[in-house]
Amino acid sequence: MAGIYRRLLARIAADPLAVTHGRVSLPGREKAWVAARALVGRTR
């Protein structure tokens, strides 16, 4: 859960004006990838 939001934050920091054009989000496959890494103890 934290990893998904942390990657979302990194995306916002990289392109701050993106938040002025619409809701910034991660694709489902990227969220699933973060969850899979979390299950094996990888948080970065």
All heavy atoms as atom14 arrays in JSON, in Angstrom:
{
  "sequence": "MAGIYRRLLARIAADPLAVTHGRVSLPGREKAWVAARALVGRTR",
  "atom14_mask": [
    [1, 1, 1, 1, 1, 1, 1, 1, 0, 0, 0, 0, 0, 0],
    [1, 1, 1, 1, 1, 0, 0, 0, 0, 0, 0, 0, 0, 0],
    [1, 1, 1, 1, 0, 0, 0, 0, 0, 0, 0, 0, 0, 0],
    [1, 1, 1, 1, 1, 1, 1, 1, 0, 0, 0, 0, 0, 0],
    [1, 1, 1, 1, 1, 1, 1, 1, 1, 1, 1, 1, 0, 0],
    [1, 1, 1, 1, 1, 1, 1, 1, 1, 1, 1, 0, 0, 0],
    [1, 1, 1, 1, 1, 1, 1, 1, 1, 1, 1, 0, 0, 0],
    [1, 1, 1, 1, 1, 1, 1, 1, 0, 0, 0, 0, 0, 0],
    [1, 1, 1, 1, 1, 1, 1, 1, 0, 0, 0, 0, 0, 0],
    [1, 1, 1, 1, 1, 0, 0, 0, 0, 0, 0, 0, 0, 0],
    [1, 1, 1, 1, 1, 1, 1, 1, 1, 1, 1, 0, 0, 0],
    [1, 1, 1, 1, 1, 1, 1, 1, 0, 0, 0, 0, 0, 0],
    [1, 1, 1, 1, 1, 0, 0, 0, 0, 0, 0, 0, 0, 0],
    [1, 1, 1, 1, 1, 0, 0, 0, 0, 0, 0, 0, 0, 0],
    [1, 1, 1, 1, 1, 1, 1, 1, 0, 0, 0, 0, 0, 0],
    [1, 1, 1, 1, 1, 1, 1, 0, 0, 0, 0, 0, 0, 0],
    [1, 1, 1, 1, 1, 1, 1, 1, 0, 0, 0, 0, 0, 0],
    [1, 1, 1, 1, 1, 0, 0, 0, 0, 0, 0, 0, 0, 0],
    [1, 1, 1, 1, 1, 1, 1, 0, 0, 0, 0, 0, 0, 0],
    [1, 1, 1, 1, 1, 1, 1, 0, 0, 0, 0, 0, 0, 0],
    [1, 1, 1, 1, 1, 1, 1, 1, 1, 1, 0, 0, 0, 0],
    [1, 1, 1, 1, 0, 0, 0, 0, 0, 0, 0, 0, 0, 0],
    [1, 1, 1, 1, 1, 1, 1, 1, 1, 1, 1, 0, 0, 0],
    [1, 1, 1, 1, 1, 1, 1, 0, 0, 0, 0, 0, 0, 0],
    [1, 1, 1, 1, 1, 1, 0, 0, 0, 0, 0, 0, 0, 0],
    [1, 1, 1, 1, 1, 1, 1, 1, 0, 0, 0, 0, 0, 0],
    [1, 1, 1, 1, 1, 1, 1, 0, 0, 0, 0, 0, 0, 0],
    [1, 1, 1, 1, 0, 0, 0, 0, 0, 0, 0, 0, 0, 0],
    [1, 1, 1, 1, 1, 1, 1, 1, 1, 1, 1, 0, 0, 0],
    [1, 1, 1, 1, 1, 1, 1, 1, 1, 0, 0, 0, 0, 0],
    [1, 1, 1, 1, 1, 1, 1, 1, 1, 0, 0, 0, 0, 0],
    [1, 1, 1, 1, 1, 0, 0, 0, 0, 0, 0, 0, 0, 0],
    [1, 1, 1, 1, 1, 1, 1, 1, 1, 1, 1, 1, 1, 1],
    [1, 1, 1, 1, 1, 1, 1, 0, 0, 0, 0, 0, 0, 0],
    [1, 1, 1, 1, 1, 0, 0, 0, 0, 0, 0, 0, 0, 0],
    [1, 1, 1, 1, 1, 0, 0, 0, 0, 0, 0, 0, 0, 0],
    [1, 1, 1, 1, 1, 1, 1, 1, 1, 1, 1, 0, 0, 0],
    [1, 1, 1, 1, 1, 0, 0, 0, 0, 0, 0, 0, 0, 0],
    [1, 1, 1, 1, 1, 1, 1, 1, 0, 0, 0, 0, 0, 0],
    [1, 1, 1, 1, 1, 1, 1, 0, 0, 0, 0, 0, 0, 0],
    [1, 1, 1, 1, 0, 0, 0, 0, 0, 0, 0, 0, 0, 0],
    [1, 1, 1, 1, 1, 1, 1, 1, 1, 1, 1, 0, 0, 0],
    [1, 1, 1, 1, 1, 1, 1, 0, 0, 0, 0, 0, 0, 0],
    [1, 1, 1, 1, 1, 1, 1, 1, 1, 1, 1, 0, 0, 0]
  ],
  "atom14_positions": [
    [[0.83, -1.21, 0.0], [0.0, 0.0, 0.0], [0.86, 1.26, 0.0], [0.64, 2.19, -0.77], [-0.94, -0.02, 1.2], [-2.0, -1.11, 1.13], [-3.27, -1.01, 2.4], [-2.36, -1.5, 3.86], [0.0, 0.0, 0.0], [0.0, 0.0, 0.0], [0.0, 0.0, 0.0], [0.0, 0.0, 0.0], [0.0, 0.0, 0.0], [0.0, 0.0, 0.0]],
    [[1.88, 1.27, 0.87], [2.76, 2.44, 0.94], [3.57, 2.59, -0.34], [3.8, 3.7, -0.82], [3.68, 2.33, 2.15], [0.0, 0.0, 0.0], [0.0, 0.0, 0.0], [0.0, 0.0, 0.0], [0.0, 0.0, 0.0], [0.0, 0.0, 0.0], [0.0, 0.0, 0.0], [0.0, 0.0, 0.0], [0.0, 0.0, 0.0], [0.0, 0.0, 0.0]],
    [[4.01, 1.45, -0.9], [4.83, 1.5, -2.11], [4.09, 2.09, -3.29], [4.67, 2.85, -4.08], [0.0, 0.0, 0.0], [0.0, 0.0, 0.0], [0.0, 0.0, 0.0], [0.0, 0.0, 0.0], [0.0, 0.0, 0.0], [0.0, 0.0, 0.0], [0.0, 0.0, 0.0], [0.0, 0.0, 0.0], [0.0, 0.0, 0.0], [0.0, 0.0, 0.0]],
    [[2.81, 1.76, -3.42], [2.01, 2.31, -4.51], [1.9, 3.83, -4.37], [2.11, 4.59, -5.33], [0.62, 1.65, -4.53], [0.73, 0.21, -5.03], [-0.36, 2.45, -5.4], [-0.53, -0.62, -4.84], [0.0, 0.0, 0.0], [0.0, 0.0, 0.0], [0.0, 0.0, 0.0], [0.0, 0.0, 0.0], [0.0, 0.0, 0.0], [0.0, 0.0, 0.0]],
    [[1.62, 4.29, -3.17], [1.5, 5.73, -2.96], [2.85, 6.44, -3.06], [2.93, 7.58, -3.53], [0.84, 6.0, -1.6], [-0.66, 5.99, -1.66], [-1.37, 4.81, -1.55], [-1.37, 7.17, -1.86], [-2.75, 4.79, -1.62], [-2.75, 7.17, -1.93], [-3.44, 5.97, -1.81], [-4.8, 5.96, -1.9], [0.0, 0.0, 0.0], [0.0, 0.0, 0.0]],
    [[3.9, 5.76, -2.63], [5.22, 6.37, -2.72], [5.64, 6.56, -4.18], [6.24, 7.58, -4.54], [6.23, 5.49, -1.98], [7.48, 6.22, -1.52], [8.38, 5.27, -0.77], [9.43, 5.96, -0.06], [10.43, 5.34, 0.56], [10.49, 4.03, 0.56], [11.35, 6.04, 1.19], [0.0, 0.0, 0.0], [0.0, 0.0, 0.0], [0.0, 0.0, 0.0]],
    [[5.33, 5.59, -5.02], [5.64, 5.73, -6.45], [4.77, 6.82, -7.08], [5.22, 7.56, -7.97], [5.43, 4.4, -7.17], [6.48, 3.36, -6.8], [6.24, 2.05, -7.52], [6.53, 2.15, -8.95], [7.75, 2.01, -9.47], [8.8, 1.78, -8.7], [7.92, 2.11, -10.78], [0.0, 0.0, 0.0], [0.0, 0.0, 0.0], [0.0, 0.0, 0.0]],
    [[3.53, 6.93, -6.61], [2.67, 8.0, -7.07], [3.26, 9.36, -6.7], [3.29, 10.29, -7.52], [1.28, 7.83, -6.46], [0.22, 8.88, -6.81], [-0.07, 8.88, -8.29], [-1.06, 8.61, -6.02], [0.0, 0.0, 0.0], [0.0, 0.0, 0.0], [0.0, 0.0, 0.0], [0.0, 0.0, 0.0], [0.0, 0.0, 0.0], [0.0, 0.0, 0.0]],
    [[3.77, 9.46, -5.48], [4.4, 10.7, -5.04], [5.62, 11.03, -5.9], [5.83, 12.19, -6.28], [4.8, 10.59, -3.56], [5.48, 11.83, -2.97], [4.48, 12.97, -2.85], [6.09, 11.51, -1.61], [0.0, 0.0, 0.0], [0.0, 0.0, 0.0], [0.0, 0.0, 0.0], [0.0, 0.0, 0.0], [0.0, 0.0, 0.0], [0.0, 0.0, 0.0]],
    [[6.42, 10.02, -6.19], [7.61, 10.24, -7.02], [7.21, 10.75, -8.41], [7.89, 11.62, -8.99], [8.41, 8.95, -7.14], [0.0, 0.0, 0.0], [0.0, 0.0, 0.0], [0.0, 0.0, 0.0], [0.0, 0.0, 0.0], [0.0, 0.0, 0.0], [0.0, 0.0, 0.0], [0.0, 0.0, 0.0], [0.0, 0.0, 0.0], [0.0, 0.0, 0.0]],
    [[6.12, 10.23, -8.93], [5.64, 10.68, -10.25], [5.2, 12.14, -10.18], [5.46, 12.93, -11.1], [4.49, 9.77, -10.69], [4.03, 10.01, -12.09], [3.24, 8.83, -12.61], [4.07, 7.61, -12.72], [3.65, 6.47, -13.25], [2.42, 6.37, -13.73], [4.45, 5.44, -13.31], [0.0, 0.0, 0.0], [0.0, 0.0, 0.0], [0.0, 0.0, 0.0]],
    [[4.55, 12.51, -9.09], [4.11, 13.9, -8.92], [5.32, 14.83, -8.78], [5.37, 15.91, -9.39], [3.2, 14.02, -7.69], [1.86, 13.32, -7.96], [2.97, 15.48, -7.31], [0.97, 13.17, -6.74], [0.0, 0.0, 0.0], [0.0, 0.0, 0.0], [0.0, 0.0, 0.0], [0.0, 0.0, 0.0], [0.0, 0.0, 0.0], [0.0, 0.0, 0.0]],
    [[6.32, 14.41, -8.0], [7.51, 15.24, -7.8], [8.28, 15.43, -9.11], [8.86, 16.49, -9.36], [8.41, 14.61, -6.74], [0.0, 0.0, 0.0], [0.0, 0.0, 0.0], [0.0, 0.0, 0.0], [0.0, 0.0, 0.0], [0.0, 0.0, 0.0], [0.0, 0.0, 0.0], [0.0, 0.0, 0.0], [0.0, 0.0, 0.0], [0.0, 0.0, 0.0]],
    [[8.26, 14.4, -9.96], [8.98, 14.49, -11.24], [8.28, 15.42, -12.22], [8.93, 16.06, -13.06], [9.12, 13.1, -11.85], [0.0, 0.0, 0.0], [0.0, 0.0, 0.0], [0.0, 0.0, 0.0], [0.0, 0.0, 0.0], [0.0, 0.0, 0.0], [0.0, 0.0, 0.0], [0.0, 0.0, 0.0], [0.0, 0.0, 0.0], [0.0, 0.0, 0.0]],
    [[6.96, 15.5, -12.13], [6.18, 16.34, -13.05], [5.07, 17.02, -12.26], [3.9, 16.63, -12.35], [5.61, 15.5, -14.18], [4.85, 16.34, -15.21], [4.93, 17.58, -15.15], [4.15, 15.74, -16.06], [0.0, 0.0, 0.0], [0.0, 0.0, 0.0], [0.0, 0.0, 0.0], [0.0, 0.0, 0.0], [0.0, 0.0, 0.0], [0.0, 0.0, 0.0]],
    [[5.4, 18.04, -11.46], [4.41, 18.66, -10.58], [3.18, 19.21, -11.29], [2.07, 19.18, -10.73], [5.2, 19.78, -9.9], [6.61, 19.33, -9.94], [6.74, 18.61, -11.27], [0.0, 0.0, 0.0], [0.0, 0.0, 0.0], [0.0, 0.0, 0.0], [0.0, 0.0, 0.0], [0.0, 0.0, 0.0], [0.0, 0.0, 0.0], [0.0, 0.0, 0.0]],
    [[3.32, 19.69, -12.5], [2.17, 20.27, -13.18], [1.17, 19.21, -13.65], [0.04, 19.53, -14.04], [2.62, 21.11, -14.38], [3.38, 22.4, -14.02], [3.74, 23.17, -15.27], [2.57, 23.27, -13.06], [0.0, 0.0, 0.0], [0.0, 0.0, 0.0], [0.0, 0.0, 0.0], [0.0, 0.0, 0.0], [0.0, 0.0, 0.0], [0.0, 0.0, 0.0]],
    [[1.57, 17.93, -13.59], [0.64, 16.87, -13.98], [-0.6, 16.89, -13.11], [-1.7, 16.56, -13.58], [1.33, 15.51, -13.9], [0.0, 0.0, 0.0], [0.0, 0.0, 0.0], [0.0, 0.0, 0.0], [0.0, 0.0, 0.0], [0.0, 0.0, 0.0], [0.0, 0.0, 0.0], [0.0, 0.0, 0.0], [0.0, 0.0, 0.0], [0.0, 0.0, 0.0]],
    [[-0.47, 17.28, -11.84], [-1.63, 17.29, -10.95], [-2.62, 18.37, -11.34], [-3.78, 18.34, -10.91], [-1.22, 17.45, -9.48], [-0.32, 16.31, -9.03], [-0.57, 18.8, -9.22], [0.0, 0.0, 0.0], [0.0, 0.0, 0.0], [0.0, 0.0, 0.0], [0.0, 0.0, 0.0], [0.0, 0.0, 0.0], [0.0, 0.0, 0.0], [0.0, 0.0, 0.0]],
    [[-2.19, 19.34, -12.17], [-3.11, 20.39, -12.59], [-3.91, 20.0, -13.83], [-4.83, 20.71, -14.22], [-2.34, 21.7, -12.89], [-1.54, 21.53, -14.07], [-1.45, 22.08, -11.73], [0.0, 0.0, 0.0], [0.0, 0.0, 0.0], [0.0, 0.0, 0.0], [0.0, 0.0, 0.0], [0.0, 0.0, 0.0], [0.0, 0.0, 0.0], [0.0, 0.0, 0.0]],
    [[-3.56, 18.87, -14.43], [-4.23, 18.43, -15.67], [-5.2, 17.28, -15.44], [-5.98, 16.95, -16.34], [-3.19, 18.01, -16.71], [-2.17, 19.05, -17.01], [-2.49, 20.36, -17.27], [-0.8, 18.98, -17.08], [-1.38, 21.06, -17.49], [-0.35, 20.26, -17.38], [0.0, 0.0, 0.0], [0.0, 0.0, 0.0], [0.0, 0.0, 0.0], [0.0, 0.0, 0.0]],
    [[-5.16, 16.67, -14.3], [-6.03, 15.52, -14.02], [-5.42, 14.68, -12.92], [-4.3, 14.93, -12.46], [0.0, 0.0, 0.0], [0.0, 0.0, 0.0], [0.0, 0.0, 0.0], [0.0, 0.0, 0.0], [0.0, 0.0, 0.0], [0.0, 0.0, 0.0], [0.0, 0.0, 0.0], [0.0, 0.0, 0.0], [0.0, 0.0, 0.0], [0.0, 0.0, 0.0]],
    [[-6.16, 13.67, -12.48], [-5.68, 12.83, -11.39], [-4.54, 11.95, -11.86], [-4.68, 11.17, -12.81], [-6.83, 11.97, -10.85], [-6.37, 10.98, -9.81], [-7.53, 10.25, -9.16], [-8.2, 11.08, -8.18], [-8.9, 10.58, -7.15], [-9.0, 9.27, -7.0], [-9.5, 11.38, -6.3], [0.0, 0.0, 0.0], [0.0, 0.0, 0.0], [0.0, 0.0, 0.0]],
    [[-3.4, 12.06, -11.18], [-2.24, 11.22, -11.48], [-2.47, 9.85, -10.84], [-2.88, 9.76, -9.68], [-0.95, 11.86, -10.92], [0.26, 10.98, -11.21], [-0.75, 13.25, -11.52], [0.0, 0.0, 0.0], [0.0, 0.0, 0.0], [0.0, 0.0, 0.0], [0.0, 0.0, 0.0], [0.0, 0.0, 0.0], [0.0, 0.0, 0.0], [0.0, 0.0, 0.0]],
    [[-2.21, 8.8, -11.58], [-2.41, 7.45, -11.05], [-1.39, 6.5, -11.65], [-0.7, 6.84, -12.62], [-3.83, 6.94, -11.35], [-4.03, 6.85, -12.74], [0.0, 0.0, 0.0], [0.0, 0.0, 0.0], [0.0, 0.0, 0.0], [0.0, 0.0, 0.0], [0.0, 0.0, 0.0], [0.0, 0.0, 0.0], [0.0, 0.0, 0.0], [0.0, 0.0, 0.0]],
    [[-1.29, 5.32, -11.07], [-0.42, 4.27, -11.59], [-1.28, 3.25, -12.33], [-2.4, 2.95, -11.9], [0.32, 3.56, -10.45], [1.21, 4.4, -9.53], [1.91, 3.48, -8.53], [2.22, 5.2, -10.31], [0.0, 0.0, 0.0], [0.0, 0.0, 0.0], [0.0, 0.0, 0.0], [0.0, 0.0, 0.0], [0.0, 0.0, 0.0], [0.0, 0.0, 0.0]],
    [[-0.78, 2.68, -13.42], [-1.53, 1.61, -14.09], [-1.6, 0.37, -13.2], [-0.73, 0.15, -12.34], [-0.7, 1.35, -15.36], [0.67, 1.85, -15.05], [0.5, 2.99, -14.09], [0.0, 0.0, 0.0], [0.0, 0.0, 0.0], [0.0, 0.0, 0.0], [0.0, 0.0, 0.0], [0.0, 0.0, 0.0], [0.0, 0.0, 0.0], [0.0, 0.0, 0.0]],
    [[-2.61, -0.45, -13.44], [-2.81, -1.64, -12.63], [-1.62, -2.57, -12.62], [-1.28, -3.15, -11.58], [0.0, 0.0, 0.0], [0.0, 0.0, 0.0], [0.0, 0.0, 0.0], [0.0, 0.0, 0.0], [0.0, 0.0, 0.0], [0.0, 0.0, 0.0], [0.0, 0.0, 0.0], [0.0, 0.0, 0.0], [0.0, 0.0, 0.0], [0.0, 0.0, 0.0]],
    [[-0.95, -2.71, -13.76], [0.19, -3.63, -13.81], [1.33, -3.14, -12.92], [2.06, -3.95, -12.35], [0.66, -3.79, -15.25], [1.19, -2.53, -15.91], [1.6, -2.77, -17.35], [2.1, -1.56, -17.99], [1.33, -0.61, -18.51], [0.0, -0.75, -18.49], [1.87, 0.47, -19.06], [0.0, 0.0, 0.0], [0.0, 0.0, 0.0], [0.0, 0.0, 0.0]],
    [[1.48, -1.82, -12.79], [2.54, -1.3, -11.93], [2.18, -1.51, -10.46], [3.05, -1.84, -9.64], [2.77, 0.19, -12.21], [3.97, 0.75, -11.46], [4.33, 2.17, -11.9], [3.74, 2.67, -12.89], [5.2, 2.79, -11.26], [0.0, 0.0, 0.0], [0.0, 0.0, 0.0], [0.0, 0.0, 0.0], [0.0, 0.0, 0.0], [0.0, 0.0, 0.0]],
    [[0.9, -1.36, -10.12], [0.48, -1.63, -8.75], [0.7, -3.09, -8.4], [1.17, -3.42, -7.3], [-1.01, -1.26, -8.58], [-1.31, 0.22, -8.74], [-2.81, 0.45, -8.64], [-3.17, 1.9, -8.92], [-4.64, 2.13, -8.87], [0.0, 0.0, 0.0], [0.0, 0.0, 0.0], [0.0, 0.0, 0.0], [0.0, 0.0, 0.0], [0.0, 0.0, 0.0]],
    [[0.37, -3.98, -9.32], [0.57, -5.41, -9.08], [2.06, -5.73, -8.91], [2.43, -6.57, -8.08], [-0.02, -6.22, -10.23], [0.0, 0.0, 0.0], [0.0, 0.0, 0.0], [0.0, 0.0, 0.0], [0.0, 0.0, 0.0], [0.0, 0.0, 0.0], [0.0, 0.0, 0.0], [0.0, 0.0, 0.0], [0.0, 0.0, 0.0], [0.0, 0.0, 0.0]],
    [[2.9, -5.05, -9.68], [4.35, -5.25, -9.59], [4.85, -4.82, -8.21], [5.66, -5.51, -7.59], [5.04, -4.46, -10.69], [6.53, -4.52, -10.68], [7.33, -5.51, -11.18], [7.42, -3.51, -10.17], [8.67, -5.19, -11.0], [8.75, -3.99, -10.38], [7.23, -2.27, -9.56], [9.86, -3.24, -10.0], [8.34, -1.53, -9.18], [9.64, -2.02, -9.4]],
    [[4.36, -3.68, -7.71], [4.75, -3.2, -6.39], [4.32, -4.2, -5.32], [5.09, -4.52, -4.4], [4.14, -1.82, -6.11], [4.38, -1.41, -4.65], [4.72, -0.77, -7.04], [0.0, 0.0, 0.0], [0.0, 0.0, 0.0], [0.0, 0.0, 0.0], [0.0, 0.0, 0.0], [0.0, 0.0, 0.0], [0.0, 0.0, 0.0], [0.0, 0.0, 0.0]],
    [[3.1, -4.72, -5.45], [2.6, -5.69, -4.47], [3.43, -6.97, -4.49], [3.75, -7.54, -3.44], [1.13, -6.0, -4.74], [0.0, 0.0, 0.0], [0.0, 0.0, 0.0], [0.0, 0.0, 0.0], [0.0, 0.0, 0.0], [0.0, 0.0, 0.0], [0.0, 0.0, 0.0], [0.0, 0.0, 0.0], [0.0, 0.0, 0.0], [0.0, 0.0, 0.0]],
    [[3.8, -7.43, -5.68], [4.6, -8.64, -5.78], [5.96, -8.45, -5.14], [6.47, -9.34, -4.44], [4.75, -9.04, -7.25], [0.0, 0.0, 0.0], [0.0, 0.0, 0.0], [0.0, 0.0, 0.0], [0.0, 0.0, 0.0], [0.0, 0.0, 0.0], [0.0, 0.0, 0.0], [0.0, 0.0, 0.0], [0.0, 0.0, 0.0], [0.0, 0.0, 0.0]],
    [[6.58, -7.3, -5.35], [7.88, -7.02, -4.73], [7.75, -6.94, -3.22], [8.64, -7.39, -2.48], [8.46, -5.72, -5.29], [8.99, -5.87, -6.71], [9.4, -4.52, -7.28], [10.46, -3.87, -6.54], [11.75, -4.13, -6.69], [12.15, -5.04, -7.56], [12.67, -3.49, -5.99], [0.0, 0.0, 0.0], [0.0, 0.0, 0.0], [0.0, 0.0, 0.0]],
    [[6.64, -6.38, -2.74], [6.42, -6.29, -1.29], [6.34, -7.67, -0.66], [6.82, -7.9, 0.45], [5.15, -5.49, -1.0], [0.0, 0.0, 0.0], [0.0, 0.0, 0.0], [0.0, 0.0, 0.0], [0.0, 0.0, 0.0], [0.0, 0.0, 0.0], [0.0, 0.0, 0.0], [0.0, 0.0, 0.0], [0.0, 0.0, 0.0], [0.0, 0.0, 0.0]],
    [[5.74, -8.6, -1.38], [5.56, -9.95, -0.84], [6.9, -10.65, -0.64], [7.04, -11.5, 0.23], [4.66, -10.78, -1.76], [4.15, -12.1, -1.22], [3.39, -11.89, 0.09], [3.25, -12.78, -2.24], [0.0, 0.0, 0.0], [0.0, 0.0, 0.0], [0.0, 0.0, 0.0], [0.0, 0.0, 0.0], [0.0, 0.0, 0.0], [0.0, 0.0, 0.0]],
    [[7.9, -10.29, -1.44], [9.22, -10.91, -1.28], [10.18, -9.98, -0.53], [11.39, -10.19, -0.53], [9.82, -11.29, -2.64], [8.98, -12.35, -3.31], [10.0, -10.08, -3.55], [0.0, 0.0, 0.0], [0.0, 0.0, 0.0], [0.0, 0.0, 0.0], [0.0, 0.0, 0.0], [0.0, 0.0, 0.0], [0.0, 0.0, 0.0], [0.0, 0.0, 0.0]],
    [[9.61, -8.95, 0.11], [10.41, -8.11, 0.98], [11.14, -6.98, 0.32], [12.05, -6.39, 0.91], [0.0, 0.0, 0.0], [0.0, 0.0, 0.0], [0.0, 0.0, 0.0], [0.0, 0.0, 0.0], [0.0, 0.0, 0.0], [0.0, 0.0, 0.0], [0.0, 0.0, 0.0], [0.0, 0.0, 0.0], [0.0, 0.0, 0.0], [0.0, 0.0, 0.0]],
    [[10.77, -6.62, -0.92], [11.43, -5.51, -1.63], [10.52, -4.29, -1.55], [9.36, -4.34, -1.96], [11.68, -5.88, -3.09], [12.53, -7.11, -3.28], [13.98, -6.89, -2.86], [14.62, -5.89, -3.7], [15.21, -6.19, -4.86], [15.22, -7.44, -5.32], [15.79, -5.24, -5.57], [0.0, 0.0, 0.0], [0.0, 0.0, 0.0], [0.0, 0.0, 0.0]],
    [[11.05, -3.17, -1.02], [10.25, -1.97, -0.86], [10.71, -0.82, -1.75], [10.14, 0.26, -1.69], [10.27, -1.49, 0.6], [11.64, -1.2, 0.99], [9.72, -2.55, 1.52], [0.0, 0.0, 0.0], [0.0, 0.0, 0.0], [0.0, 0.0, 0.0], [0.0, 0.0, 0.0], [0.0, 0.0, 0.0], [0.0, 0.0, 0.0], [0.0, 0.0, 0.0]],
    [[11.71, -1.05, -2.55], [12.19, 0.01, -3.46], [12.06, -0.46, -4.91], [12.15, -1.65, -5.17], [13.66, 0.32, -3.16], [13.89, 0.99, -1.81], [13.6, 2.46, -1.9], [13.95, 3.14, -0.67], [13.88, 4.45, -0.51], [13.48, 5.21, -1.5], [14.18, 5.01, 0.63], [0.0, 0.0, 0.0], [0.0, 0.0, 0.0], [0.0, 0.0, 0.0]]
  ]
}
